[in-house]
């Protein structure tokens, strides 16, 4: 049951990212979630999904689907990280009187 480890690490990574981004600015949230997606969620979730799919189809070669899932999730994380890095600081708008 190694795929359970993959799902577990991905869930723990998401919980840690939630705790680190709670109460922070949007810019900081984008940065935290981008790094988490790239380093904690993408590799372990794609590994777990690949193994689960291989067990369901009863074909070991089917686990290679993880090679397609990982880059997709990684690029999404990279985009989120870049949005966080290049996002302008939020300015408070004054109420029109």
PDB file of N, CA and C in Angstrom:
ATOM      1  N   UNK A   1       0.810  -1.193   0.000  1.00  0.00           N
ATOM      2  CA  UNK A   1       0.000   0.000   0.000  1.00  0.00           C
ATOM      3  C   UNK A   1       0.862   1.269   0.000  1.00  0.00           C
ATOM      4  N   UNK A   2       1.836   1.327  -0.885  1.00  0.00           N
ATOM      5  CA  UNK A   2       2.668   2.539  -0.927  1.00  0.00           C
ATOM      6  C   UNK A   2       1.912   3.760  -1.431  1.00  0.00           C
ATOM      7  N   UNK A   3       0.811   3.548  -2.161  1.00  0.00           N
ATOM      8  CA  UNK A   3       0.067   4.707  -2.660  1.00  0.00           C
ATOM      9  C   UNK A   3      -0.597   5.467  -1.523  1.00  0.00           C
ATOM     10  N   UNK A   4      -0.851   4.787  -0.402  1.00  0.00           N
ATOM     11  CA  UNK A   4      -1.430   5.473   0.763  1.00  0.00           C
ATOM     12  C   UNK A   4      -0.426   6.491   1.305  1.00  0.00           C
ATOM     13  N   UNK A   5       0.851   6.153   1.248  1.00  0.00           N
ATOM     14  CA  UNK A   5       1.887   7.092   1.689  1.00  0.00           C
ATOM     15  C   UNK A   5       1.876   8.331   0.802  1.00  0.00           C
ATOM     16  N   UNK A   6       1.727   8.138  -0.504  1.00  0.00           N
ATOM     17  CA  UNK A   6       1.673   9.270  -1.425  1.00  0.00           C
ATOM     18  C   UNK A   6       0.501  10.188  -1.141  1.00  0.00           C
ATOM     19  N   UNK A   7      -0.683   9.585  -0.956  1.00  0.00           N
ATOM     20  CA  UNK A   7      -1.854  10.406  -0.624  1.00  0.00           C
ATOM     21  C   UNK A   7      -1.658  11.102   0.727  1.00  0.00           C
ATOM     22  N   UNK A   8      -1.080  10.393   1.683  1.00  0.00           N
ATOM     23  CA  UNK A   8      -0.875  10.969   3.018  1.00  0.00           C
ATOM     24  C   UNK A   8       0.059  12.159   3.002  1.00  0.00           C
ATOM     25  N   UNK A   9       1.177  12.042   2.290  1.00  0.00           N
ATOM     26  CA  UNK A   9       2.127  13.153   2.227  1.00  0.00           C
ATOM     27  C   UNK A   9       1.517  14.341   1.499  1.00  0.00           C
ATOM     28  N   UNK A  10       0.746  14.078   0.450  1.00  0.00           N
ATOM     29  CA  UNK A  10       0.094  15.180  -0.267  1.00  0.00           C
ATOM     30  C   UNK A  10      -0.916  15.898   0.627  1.00  0.00           C
ATOM     31  N   UNK A  11      -1.677  15.145   1.397  1.00  0.00           N
ATOM     32  CA  UNK A  11      -2.660  15.751   2.303  1.00  0.00           C
ATOM     33  C   UNK A  11      -1.965  16.516   3.423  1.00  0.00           C
ATOM     34  N   UNK A  12      -0.903  15.944   3.985  1.00  0.00           N
ATOM     35  CA  UNK A  12      -0.161  16.637   5.040  1.00  0.00           C
ATOM     36  C   UNK A  12       0.460  17.925   4.492  1.00  0.00           C
ATOM     37  N   UNK A  13       0.989  17.871   3.281  1.00  0.00           N
ATOM     38  CA  UNK A  13       1.546  19.072   2.654  1.00  0.00           C
ATOM     39  C   UNK A  13       0.500  20.152   2.466  1.00  0.00           C
ATOM     40  N   UNK A  14      -0.713  19.743   2.051  1.00  0.00           N
ATOM     41  CA  UNK A  14      -1.795  20.720   1.874  1.00  0.00           C
ATOM     42  C   UNK A  14      -2.208  21.328   3.217  1.00  0.00           C
ATOM     43  N   UNK A  15      -2.237  20.508   4.263  1.00  0.00           N
ATOM     44  CA  UNK A  15      -2.607  21.033   5.588  1.00  0.00           C
ATOM     45  C   UNK A  15      -1.552  22.009   6.105  1.00  0.00           C
ATOM     46  N   UNK A  16      -0.281  21.698   5.890  1.00  0.00           N
ATOM     47  CA  UNK A  16       0.787  22.603   6.327  1.00  0.00           C
ATOM     48  C   UNK A  16       0.731  23.913   5.543  1.00  0.00           C
ATOM     49  N   UNK A  17       0.471  23.821   4.239  1.00  0.00           N
ATOM     50  CA  UNK A  17       0.367  25.036   3.422  1.00  0.00           C
ATOM     51  C   UNK A  17      -0.813  25.887   3.876  1.00  0.00           C
ATOM     52  N   UNK A  18      -1.910  25.239   4.235  1.00  0.00           N
ATOM     53  CA  UNK A  18      -3.066  25.989   4.728  1.00  0.00           C
ATOM     54  C   UNK A  18      -2.713  26.724   6.021  1.00  0.00           C
ATOM     55  N   UNK A  19      -2.010  26.048   6.919  1.00  0.00           N
ATOM     56  CA  UNK A  19      -1.625  26.679   8.177  1.00  0.00           C
ATOM     57  C   UNK A  19      -0.647  27.838   7.945  1.00  0.00           C
ATOM     58  N   UNK A  20       0.271  27.678   6.993  1.00  0.00           N
ATOM     59  CA  UNK A  20       1.247  28.732   6.724  1.00  0.00           C
ATOM     60  C   UNK A  20       0.631  29.939   6.020  1.00  0.00           C
ATOM     61  N   UNK A  21      -0.461  29.720   5.286  1.00  0.00           N
ATOM     62  CA  UNK A  21      -1.047  30.825   4.525  1.00  0.00           C
ATOM     63  C   UNK A  21      -2.260  31.457   5.205  1.00  0.00           C
ATOM     64  N   UNK A  22      -2.689  30.898   6.299  1.00  0.00           N
ATOM     65  CA  UNK A  22      -3.867  31.436   6.987  1.00  0.00           C
ATOM     66  C   UNK A  22      -3.557  32.813   7.556  1.00  0.00           C
ATOM     67  N   UNK A  23      -4.371  33.795   7.190  1.00  0.00           N
ATOM     68  CA  UNK A  23      -4.217  35.153   7.703  1.00  0.00           C
ATOM     69  C   UNK A  23      -3.150  35.972   6.996  1.00  0.00           C
ATOM     70  N   UNK A  24      -2.593  35.478   5.913  1.00  0.00           N
ATOM     71  CA  UNK A  24      -1.549  36.201   5.176  1.00  0.00           C
ATOM     72  C   UNK A  24      -2.160  36.928   3.981  1.00  0.00           C
ATOM     73  N   UNK A  25      -1.352  37.748   3.334  1.00  0.00           N
ATOM     74  CA  UNK A  25      -1.827  38.460   2.150  1.00  0.00           C
ATOM     75  C   UNK A  25      -1.979  37.483   0.981  1.00  0.00           C
ATOM     76  N   UNK A  26      -2.707  37.933  -0.052  1.00  0.00           N
ATOM     77  CA  UNK A  26      -2.908  37.076  -1.221  1.00  0.00           C
ATOM     78  C   UNK A  26      -1.574  36.740  -1.881  1.00  0.00           C
ATOM     79  N   UNK A  27      -0.676  37.697  -1.916  1.00  0.00           N
ATOM     80  CA  UNK A  27       0.633  37.476  -2.515  1.00  0.00           C
ATOM     81  C   UNK A  27       1.363  36.346  -1.798  1.00  0.00           C
ATOM     82  N   UNK A  28       1.345  36.370  -0.472  1.00  0.00           N
ATOM     83  CA  UNK A  28       2.017  35.334   0.311  1.00  0.00           C
ATOM     84  C   UNK A  28       1.334  33.979   0.131  1.00  0.00           C
ATOM     85  N   UNK A  29      -0.005  33.989   0.034  1.00  0.00           N
ATOM     86  CA  UNK A  29      -0.742  32.740  -0.170  1.00  0.00           C
ATOM     87  C   UNK A  29      -0.376  32.099  -1.508  1.00  0.00           C
ATOM     88  N   UNK A  30      -0.282  32.908  -2.565  1.00  0.00           N
ATOM     89  CA  UNK A  30       0.108  32.378  -3.868  1.00  0.00           C
ATOM     90  C   UNK A  30       1.502  31.752  -3.814  1.00  0.00           C
ATOM     91  N   UNK A  31       2.423  32.409  -3.141  1.00  0.00           N
ATOM     92  CA  UNK A  31       3.787  31.896  -3.044  1.00  0.00           C
ATOM     93  C   UNK A  31       3.818  30.579  -2.274  1.00  0.00           C
ATOM     94  N   UNK A  32       3.142  30.540  -1.131  1.00  0.00           N
ATOM     95  CA  UNK A  32       3.129  29.315  -0.306  1.00  0.00           C
ATOM     96  C   UNK A  32       2.486  28.164  -1.057  1.00  0.00           C
ATOM     97  N   UNK A  33       1.342  28.402  -1.685  1.00  0.00           N
ATOM     98  CA  UNK A  33       0.651  27.325  -2.381  1.00  0.00           C
ATOM     99  C   UNK A  33       1.393  26.896  -3.642  1.00  0.00           C
ATOM    100  N   UNK A  34       2.079  27.808  -4.305  1.00  0.00           N
ATOM    101  CA  UNK A  34       2.871  27.441  -5.473  1.00  0.00           C
ATOM    102  C   UNK A  34       4.016  26.511  -5.104  1.00  0.00           C
ATOM    103  N   UNK A  35       4.732  26.855  -4.044  1.00  0.00           N
ATOM    104  CA  UNK A  35       5.837  26.011  -3.585  1.00  0.00           C
ATOM    105  C   UNK A  35       5.309  24.665  -3.111  1.00  0.00           C
ATOM    106  N   UNK A  36       4.197  24.680  -2.397  1.00  0.00           N
ATOM    107  CA  UNK A  36       3.624  23.425  -1.901  1.00  0.00           C
ATOM    108  C   UNK A  36       3.180  22.528  -3.048  1.00  0.00           C
ATOM    109  N   UNK A  37       2.551  23.113  -4.057  1.00  0.00           N
ATOM    110  CA  UNK A  37       2.127  22.311  -5.207  1.00  0.00           C
ATOM    111  C   UNK A  37       3.327  21.674  -5.902  1.00  0.00           C
ATOM    112  N   UNK A  38       4.403  22.422  -6.049  1.00  0.00           N
ATOM    113  CA  UNK A  38       5.555  21.904  -6.778  1.00  0.00           C
ATOM    114  C   UNK A  38       6.338  20.869  -5.982  1.00  0.00           C
ATOM    115  N   UNK A  39       6.516  21.082  -4.681  1.00  0.00           N
ATOM    116  CA  UNK A  39       7.403  20.222  -3.905  1.00  0.00           C
ATOM    117  C   UNK A  39       6.703  19.126  -3.106  1.00  0.00           C
ATOM    118  N   UNK A  40       5.503  19.379  -2.632  1.00  0.00           N
ATOM    119  CA  UNK A  40       4.855  18.397  -1.760  1.00  0.00           C
ATOM    120  C   UNK A  40       3.695  17.669  -2.431  1.00  0.00           C
ATOM    121  N   UNK A  41       2.923  18.371  -3.209  1.00  0.00           N
ATOM    122  CA  UNK A  41       1.708  17.754  -3.739  1.00  0.00           C
ATOM    123  C   UNK A  41       1.967  17.067  -5.084  1.00  0.00           C
ATOM    124  N   UNK A  42       2.623  17.714  -6.023  1.00  0.00           N
ATOM    125  CA  UNK A  42       2.777  17.167  -7.381  1.00  0.00           C
ATOM    126  C   UNK A  42       3.454  15.798  -7.415  1.00  0.00           C
ATOM    127  N   UNK A  43       4.636  15.627  -6.814  1.00  0.00           N
ATOM    128  CA  UNK A  43       5.279  14.319  -6.955  1.00  0.00           C
ATOM    129  C   UNK A  43       4.540  13.197  -6.241  1.00  0.00           C
ATOM    130  N   UNK A  44       4.076  13.469  -5.038  1.00  0.00           N
ATOM    131  CA  UNK A  44       3.458  12.406  -4.257  1.00  0.00           C
ATOM    132  C   UNK A  44       2.050  12.080  -4.734  1.00  0.00           C
ATOM    133  N   UNK A  45       1.301  13.089  -5.139  1.00  0.00           N
ATOM    134  CA  UNK A  45      -0.045  12.830  -5.643  1.00  0.00           C
ATOM    135  C   UNK A  45       0.009  12.101  -6.990  1.00  0.00           C
ATOM    136  N   UNK A  46       0.926  12.483  -7.869  1.00  0.00           N
ATOM    137  CA  UNK A  46       1.024  11.786  -9.151  1.00  0.00           C
ATOM    138  C   UNK A  46       1.492  10.340  -8.951  1.00  0.00           C
ATOM    139  N   UNK A  47       2.387  10.121  -8.005  1.00  0.00           N
ATOM    140  CA  UNK A  47       2.827   8.761  -7.672  1.00  0.00           C
ATOM    141  C   UNK A  47       1.656   7.921  -7.178  1.00  0.00           C
ATOM    142  N   UNK A  48       0.886   8.474  -6.254  1.00  0.00           N
ATOM    143  CA  UNK A  48      -0.243   7.731  -5.682  1.00  0.00           C
ATOM    144  C   UNK A  48      -1.330   7.467  -6.721  1.00  0.00           C
ATOM    145  N   UNK A  49      -1.624   8.446  -7.552  1.00  0.00           N
ATOM    146  CA  UNK A  49      -2.639   8.257  -8.596  1.00  0.00           C
ATOM    147  C   UNK A  49      -2.161   7.213  -9.605  1.00  0.00           C
ATOM    148  N   UNK A  50      -0.882   7.258  -9.977  1.00  0.00           N
ATOM    149  CA  UNK A  50      -0.331   6.288 -10.907  1.00  0.00           C
ATOM    150  C   UNK A  50      -0.418   4.864 -10.379  1.00  0.00           C
ATOM    151  N   UNK A  51      -0.042   4.674  -9.121  1.00  0.00           N
ATOM    152  CA  UNK A  51      -0.114   3.331  -8.538  1.00  0.00           C
ATOM    153  C   UNK A  51      -1.557   2.865  -8.374  1.00  0.00           C
ATOM    154  N   UNK A  52      -2.438   3.756  -7.989  1.00  0.00           N
ATOM    155  CA  UNK A  52      -3.851   3.386  -7.850  1.00  0.00           C
ATOM    156  C   UNK A  52      -4.418   2.958  -9.195  1.00  0.00           C
ATOM    157  N   UNK A  53      -4.107   3.698 -10.241  1.00  0.00           N
ATOM    158  CA  UNK A  53      -4.582   3.352 -11.578  1.00  0.00           C
ATOM    159  C   UNK A  53      -4.005   2.014 -12.036  1.00  0.00           C
ATOM    160  N   UNK A  54      -2.735   1.758 -11.720  1.00  0.00           N
ATOM    161  CA  UNK A  54      -2.105   0.496 -12.102  1.00  0.00           C
ATOM    162  C   UNK A  54      -2.761  -0.685 -11.388  1.00  0.00           C
ATOM    163  N   UNK A  55      -3.121  -0.501 -10.133  1.00  0.00           N
ATOM    164  CA  UNK A  55      -3.781  -1.576  -9.388  1.00  0.00           C
ATOM    165  C   UNK A  55      -5.174  -1.830  -9.953  1.00  0.00           C
ATOM    166  N   UNK A  56      -5.890  -0.764 -10.294  1.00  0.00           N
ATOM    167  CA  UNK A  56      -7.244  -0.924 -10.830  1.00  0.00           C
ATOM    168  C   UNK A  56      -7.219  -1.637 -12.181  1.00  0.00           C
ATOM    169  N   UNK A  57      -6.286  -1.259 -13.049  1.00  0.00           N
ATOM    170  CA  UNK A  57      -6.234  -1.862 -14.384  1.00  0.00           C
ATOM    171  C   UNK A  57      -5.445  -3.173 -14.402  1.00  0.00           C
ATOM    172  N   UNK A  58      -4.794  -3.510 -13.298  1.00  0.00           N
ATOM    173  CA  UNK A  58      -3.980  -4.719 -13.167  1.00  0.00           C
ATOM    174  C   UNK A  58      -2.878  -4.778 -14.226  1.00  0.00           C
ATOM    175  N   UNK A  59      -2.277  -3.633 -14.489  1.00  0.00           N
ATOM    176  CA  UNK A  59      -1.193  -3.534 -15.453  1.00  0.00           C
ATOM    177  C   UNK A  59      -0.136  -2.601 -14.876  1.00  0.00           C
ATOM    178  N   UNK A  60       1.057  -3.118 -14.647  1.00  0.00           N
ATOM    179  CA  UNK A  60       2.122  -2.318 -14.051  1.00  0.00           C
ATOM    180  C   UNK A  60       2.549  -1.139 -14.905  1.00  0.00           C
ATOM    181  N   UNK A  61       2.444  -1.298 -16.231  1.00  0.00           N
ATOM    182  CA  UNK A  61       2.824  -0.211 -17.125  1.00  0.00           C
ATOM    183  C   UNK A  61       1.864   0.971 -17.040  1.00  0.00           C
ATOM    184  N   UNK A  62       0.677   0.731 -16.545  1.00  0.00           N
ATOM    185  CA  UNK A  62      -0.296   1.821 -16.418  1.00  0.00           C
ATOM    186  C   UNK A  62       0.154   2.851 -15.383  1.00  0.00           C
ATOM    187  N   UNK A  63       1.062   2.462 -14.502  1.00  0.00           N
ATOM    188  CA  UNK A  63       1.563   3.395 -13.485  1.00  0.00           C
ATOM    189  C   UNK A  63       2.347   4.539 -14.121  1.00  0.00           C
ATOM    190  N   UNK A  64       2.748   4.374 -15.374  1.00  0.00           N
ATOM    191  CA  UNK A  64       3.497   5.436 -16.050  1.00  0.00           C
ATOM    192  C   UNK A  64       2.644   6.664 -16.327  1.00  0.00           C
ATOM    193  N   UNK A  65       1.364   6.581 -16.014  1.00  0.00           N
ATOM    194  CA  UNK A  65       0.505   7.771 -16.142  1.00  0.00           C
ATOM    195  C   UNK A  65       1.016   8.888 -15.233  1.00  0.00           C
ATOM    196  N   UNK A  66       1.770   8.502 -14.189  1.00  0.00           N
ATOM    197  CA  UNK A  66       2.306   9.520 -13.278  1.00  0.00           C
ATOM    198  C   UNK A  66       3.266  10.451 -14.008  1.00  0.00           C
ATOM    199  N   UNK A  67       3.883   9.995 -15.091  1.00  0.00           N
ATOM    200  CA  UNK A  67       4.788  10.843 -15.860  1.00  0.00           C
ATOM    201  C   UNK A  67       4.039  11.904 -16.639  1.00  0.00           C
ATOM    202  N   UNK A  68       2.736  11.722 -16.808  1.00  0.00           N
ATOM    203  CA  UNK A  68       1.908  12.752 -17.446  1.00  0.00           C
ATOM    204  C   UNK A  68       1.262  13.664 -16.411  1.00  0.00           C
ATOM    205  N   UNK A  69       0.937  13.120 -15.263  1.00  0.00           N
ATOM    206  CA  UNK A  69       0.252  13.902 -14.225  1.00  0.00           C
ATOM    207  C   UNK A  69       1.218  14.865 -13.534  1.00  0.00           C
ATOM    208  N   UNK A  70       2.432  14.396 -13.238  1.00  0.00           N
ATOM    209  CA  UNK A  70       3.386  15.219 -12.491  1.00  0.00           C
ATOM    210  C   UNK A  70       3.695  16.551 -13.169  1.00  0.00           C
ATOM    211  N   UNK A  71       4.049  16.576 -14.457  1.00  0.00           N
ATOM    212  CA  UNK A  71       4.372  17.879 -15.063  1.00  0.00           C
ATOM    213  C   UNK A  71       3.190  18.837 -15.089  1.00  0.00           C
ATOM    214  N   UNK A  72       1.984  18.302 -15.240  1.00  0.00           N
ATOM    215  CA  UNK A  72       0.806  19.173 -15.272  1.00  0.00           C
ATOM    216  C   UNK A  72       0.625  19.870 -13.929  1.00  0.00           C
ATOM    217  N   UNK A  73       0.683  19.105 -12.844  1.00  0.00           N
ATOM    218  CA  UNK A  73       0.514  19.694 -11.513  1.00  0.00           C
ATOM    219  C   UNK A  73       1.696  20.611 -11.195  1.00  0.00           C
ATOM    220  N   UNK A  74       2.905  20.218 -11.597  1.00  0.00           N
ATOM    221  CA  UNK A  74       4.093  21.034 -11.336  1.00  0.00           C
ATOM    222  C   UNK A  74       4.001  22.382 -12.042  1.00  0.00           C
ATOM    223  N   UNK A  75       3.555  22.383 -13.299  1.00  0.00           N
ATOM    224  CA  UNK A  75       3.435  23.642 -14.050  1.00  0.00           C
ATOM    225  C   UNK A  75       2.354  24.524 -13.434  1.00  0.00           C
ATOM    226  N   UNK A  76       1.268  23.929 -12.966  1.00  0.00           N
ATOM    227  CA  UNK A  76       0.236  24.712 -12.276  1.00  0.00           C
ATOM    228  C   UNK A  76       0.834  25.368 -11.032  1.00  0.00           C
ATOM    229  N   UNK A  77       1.632  24.620 -10.274  1.00  0.00           N
ATOM    230  CA  UNK A  77       2.297  25.180  -9.095  1.00  0.00           C
ATOM    231  C   UNK A  77       3.269  26.282  -9.461  1.00  0.00           C
ATOM    232  N   UNK A  78       3.996  26.103 -10.562  1.00  0.00           N
ATOM    233  CA  UNK A  78       4.933  27.127 -11.011  1.00  0.00           C
ATOM    234  C   UNK A  78       4.203  28.404 -11.407  1.00  0.00           C
ATOM    235  N   UNK A  79       3.068  28.261 -12.082  1.00  0.00           N
ATOM    236  CA  UNK A  79       2.277  29.434 -12.469  1.00  0.00           C
ATOM    237  C   UNK A  79       1.756  30.159 -11.234  1.00  0.00           C
ATOM    238  N   UNK A  80       1.267  29.407 -10.258  1.00  0.00           N
ATOM    239  CA  UNK A  80       0.772  30.022  -9.017  1.00  0.00           C
ATOM    240  C   UNK A  80       1.912  30.744  -8.301  1.00  0.00           C
ATOM    241  N   UNK A  81       3.088  30.131  -8.256  1.00  0.00           N
ATOM    242  CA  UNK A  81       4.242  30.769  -7.622  1.00  0.00           C
ATOM    243  C   UNK A  81       4.631  32.053  -8.341  1.00  0.00           C
ATOM    244  N   UNK A  82       4.665  32.029  -9.664  1.00  0.00           N
ATOM    245  CA  UNK A  82       5.026  33.223 -10.423  1.00  0.00           C
ATOM    246  C   UNK A  82       3.983  34.329 -10.272  1.00  0.00           C
ATOM    247  N   UNK A  83       2.711  33.948 -10.171  1.00  0.00           N
ATOM    248  CA  UNK A  83       1.672  34.952  -9.905  1.00  0.00           C
ATOM    249  C   UNK A  83       1.934  35.613  -8.562  1.00  0.00           C
ATOM    250  N   UNK A  84       2.309  34.814  -7.562  1.00  0.00           N
ATOM    251  CA  UNK A  84       2.605  35.366  -6.246  1.00  0.00           C
ATOM    252  C   UNK A  84       3.823  36.254  -6.236  1.00  0.00           C
ATOM    253  N   UNK A  85       4.831  35.894  -7.003  1.00  0.00           N
ATOM    254  CA  UNK A  85       6.064  36.692  -7.023  1.00  0.00           C
ATOM    255  C   UNK A  85       5.834  38.024  -7.723  1.00  0.00           C
ATOM    256  N   UNK A  86       5.141  38.005  -8.853  1.00  0.00           N
ATOM    257  CA  UNK A  86       4.997  39.217  -9.655  1.00  0.00           C
ATOM    258  C   UNK A  86       3.721  40.000  -9.374  1.00  0.00           C
ATOM    259  N   UNK A  87       2.926  39.561  -8.415  1.00  0.00           N
ATOM    260  CA  UNK A  87       1.688  40.270  -8.081  1.00  0.00           C
ATOM    261  C   UNK A  87       2.040  41.577  -7.385  1.00  0.00           C
ATOM    262  N   UNK A  88       1.360  42.630  -7.777  1.00  0.00           N
ATOM    263  CA  UNK A  88       1.575  43.932  -7.144  1.00  0.00           C
ATOM    264  C   UNK A  88       0.995  43.902  -5.736  1.00  0.00           C
ATOM    265  N   UNK A  89       1.567  44.723  -4.881  1.00  0.00           N
ATOM    266  CA  UNK A  89       1.036  44.823  -3.531  1.00  0.00           C
ATOM    267  C   UNK A  89      -0.347  45.443  -3.581  1.00  0.00           C
ATOM    268  N   UNK A  90      -1.215  44.940  -2.733  1.00  0.00           N
ATOM    269  CA  UNK A  90      -2.578  45.460  -2.696  1.00  0.00           C
ATOM    270  C   UNK A  90      -2.596  46.830  -2.039  1.00  0.00           C
ATOM    271  N   UNK A  91      -3.295  47.765  -2.681  1.00  0.00           N
ATOM    272  CA  UNK A  91      -3.423  49.084  -2.105  1.00  0.00           C
ATOM    273  C   UNK A  91      -4.850  49.254  -1.631  1.00  0.00           C
ATOM    274  N   UNK A  92      -4.970  49.824  -0.471  1.00  0.00           N
ATOM    275  CA  UNK A  92      -6.320  50.048   0.077  1.00  0.00           C
ATOM    276  C   UNK A  92      -6.967  51.200  -0.684  1.00  0.00           C
ATOM    277  N   UNK A  93      -8.168  50.981  -1.137  1.00  0.00           N
ATOM    278  CA  UNK A  93      -8.896  52.023  -1.857  1.00  0.00           C
ATOM    279  C   UNK A  93      -9.652  52.888  -0.857  1.00  0.00           C
ATOM    280  N   UNK A  94      -9.579  54.166  -1.103  1.00  0.00           N
ATOM    281  CA  UNK A  94     -10.297  55.086  -0.227  1.00  0.00           C
ATOM    282  C   UNK A  94     -11.747  55.147  -0.675  1.00  0.00           C
ATOM    283  N   UNK A  95     -12.629  55.229   0.270  1.00  0.00           N
ATOM    284  CA  UNK A  95     -14.058  55.285  -0.046  1.00  0.00           C
ATOM    285  C   UNK A  95     -14.375  56.640  -0.690  1.00  0.00           C
ATOM    286  N   UNK A  96     -15.152  56.589  -1.751  1.00  0.00           N
ATOM    287  CA  UNK A  96     -15.560  57.831  -2.404  1.00  0.00           C
ATOM    288  C   UNK A  96     -16.625  58.499  -1.542  1.00  0.00           C
ATOM    289  N   UNK A  97     -16.404  59.768  -1.253  1.00  0.00           N
ATOM    290  CA  UNK A  97     -17.362  60.509  -0.429  1.00  0.00           C
ATOM    291  C   UNK A  97     -18.137  61.477  -1.265  1.00  0.00           C
TER     292      UNK A  97
END
